[in-house]
C-alpha atoms as a PDB file:
ATOM      1  CA  MET A   1     -31.534  44.588  -5.231  1.00  0.00           C
ATOM      2  CA  PHE A   2     -28.817  41.966  -5.502  1.00  0.00           C
ATOM      3  CA  THR A   3     -30.855  39.876  -7.955  1.00  0.00           C
ATOM      4  CA  VAL A   4     -31.379  42.875 -10.232  1.00  0.00           C
ATOM      5  CA  LEU A   5     -27.601  43.419 -10.315  1.00  0.00           C
ATOM      6  CA  ILE A   6     -26.938  39.765 -11.194  1.00  0.00           C
ATOM      7  CA  ILE A   7     -29.580  39.753 -13.941  1.00  0.00           C
ATOM      8  CA  SER A   8     -28.190  42.992 -15.362  1.00  0.00           C
ATOM      9  CA  ILE A   9     -24.664  41.577 -15.455  1.00  0.00           C
ATOM     10  CA  ILE A  10     -25.909  38.426 -17.201  1.00  0.00           C
ATOM     11  CA  VAL A  11     -27.776  40.489 -19.809  1.00  0.00           C
ATOM     12  CA  VAL A  12     -24.694  42.636 -20.486  1.00  0.00           C
ATOM     13  CA  ILE A  13     -22.497  39.545 -20.884  1.00  0.00           C
ATOM     14  CA  VAL A  14     -24.979  37.913 -23.288  1.00  0.00           C
ATOM     15  CA  ILE A  15     -25.217  41.070 -25.422  1.00  0.00           C
ATOM     16  CA  LEU A  16     -21.417  41.386 -25.474  1.00  0.00           C
ATOM     17  CA  LEU A  17     -21.007  37.769 -26.574  1.00  0.00           C
ATOM     18  CA  LEU A  18     -23.623  38.125 -29.319  1.00  0.00           C
ATOM     19  CA  SER A  19     -21.994  41.279 -30.663  1.00  0.00           C
ATOM     20  CA  VAL A  20     -18.530  39.663 -30.678  1.00  0.00           C
ATOM     21  CA  LEU A  21     -19.906  36.615 -32.498  1.00  0.00           C
ATOM     22  CA  SER A  22     -21.650  38.713 -35.128  1.00  0.00           C
ATOM     23  CA  VAL A  23     -18.552  40.851 -35.751  1.00  0.00           C
ATOM     24  CA  ASN A  24     -16.397  37.740 -36.114  1.00  0.00           C
ATOM     25  CA  LYS A  25     -18.895  36.229 -38.545  1.00  0.00           C
ATOM     26  CA  GLY A  26     -18.909  39.439 -40.576  1.00  0.00           C
ATOM     27  CA  TYR A  27     -15.131  39.591 -40.819  1.00  0.00           C
ATOM     28  CA  SER A  28     -14.858  35.924 -41.805  1.00  0.00           C
ATOM     29  CA  TYR A  29     -17.215  36.402 -44.795  1.00  0.00           C
ATOM     30  CA  LYS A  30     -15.354  35.821 -48.069  1.00  0.00           C
ATOM     31  CA  HIS A  31     -16.086  38.607 -50.561  1.00  0.00           C
ATOM     32  CA  SER A  32     -15.643  37.937 -54.246  1.00  0.00           C
ATOM     33  CA  VAL A  33     -14.996  40.339 -57.100  1.00  0.00           C
ATOM     34  CA  ASP A  34     -15.932  39.721 -60.726  1.00  0.00           C
ATOM     35  CA  SER A  35     -13.124  39.831 -63.228  1.00  0.00           C
ATOM     36  CA  ALA A  36     -12.793  42.880 -65.491  1.00  0.00           C
ATOM     37  CA  GLU A  37     -13.321  40.788 -68.633  1.00  0.00           C
ATOM     38  CA  ASP A  38     -16.873  39.943 -67.546  1.00  0.00           C
ATOM     39  CA  SER A  39     -17.883  43.564 -66.985  1.00  0.00           C
ATOM     40  CA  PRO A  40     -20.525  44.934 -69.395  1.00  0.00           C
ATOM     41  CA  TYR A  41     -19.338  48.470 -68.622  1.00  0.00           C
ATOM     42  CA  LEU A  42     -15.883  47.712 -69.991  1.00  0.00           C
ATOM     43  CA  GLU A  43     -17.374  46.904 -73.404  1.00  0.00           C
ATOM     44  CA  ASP A  44     -19.343  50.176 -73.388  1.00  0.00           C
ATOM     45  CA  GLU A  45     -16.220  52.225 -72.667  1.00  0.00           C
ATOM     46  CA  VAL A  46     -14.290  50.514 -75.461  1.00  0.00           C
ATOM     47  CA  SER A  47     -17.069  51.091 -78.003  1.00  0.00           C
ATOM     48  CA  LYS A  48     -17.355  54.786 -77.016  1.00  0.00           C
ATOM     49  CA  LYS A  49     -13.652  55.384 -77.666  1.00  0.00           C
ATOM     50  CA  ASN A  50     -13.853  53.999 -81.235  1.00  0.00           C
END
């Protein structure tokens, strides 16, 4: 019974550490946004107005 409790605690700690690591990796990802001048949709909107 005691060994099952120890193994369960170890599994919970490992899962907690893996989830914290994956969340930290996700938040540290650098997102980039294209500039408005490069957008093909901007040209379509300008040509529709004329």
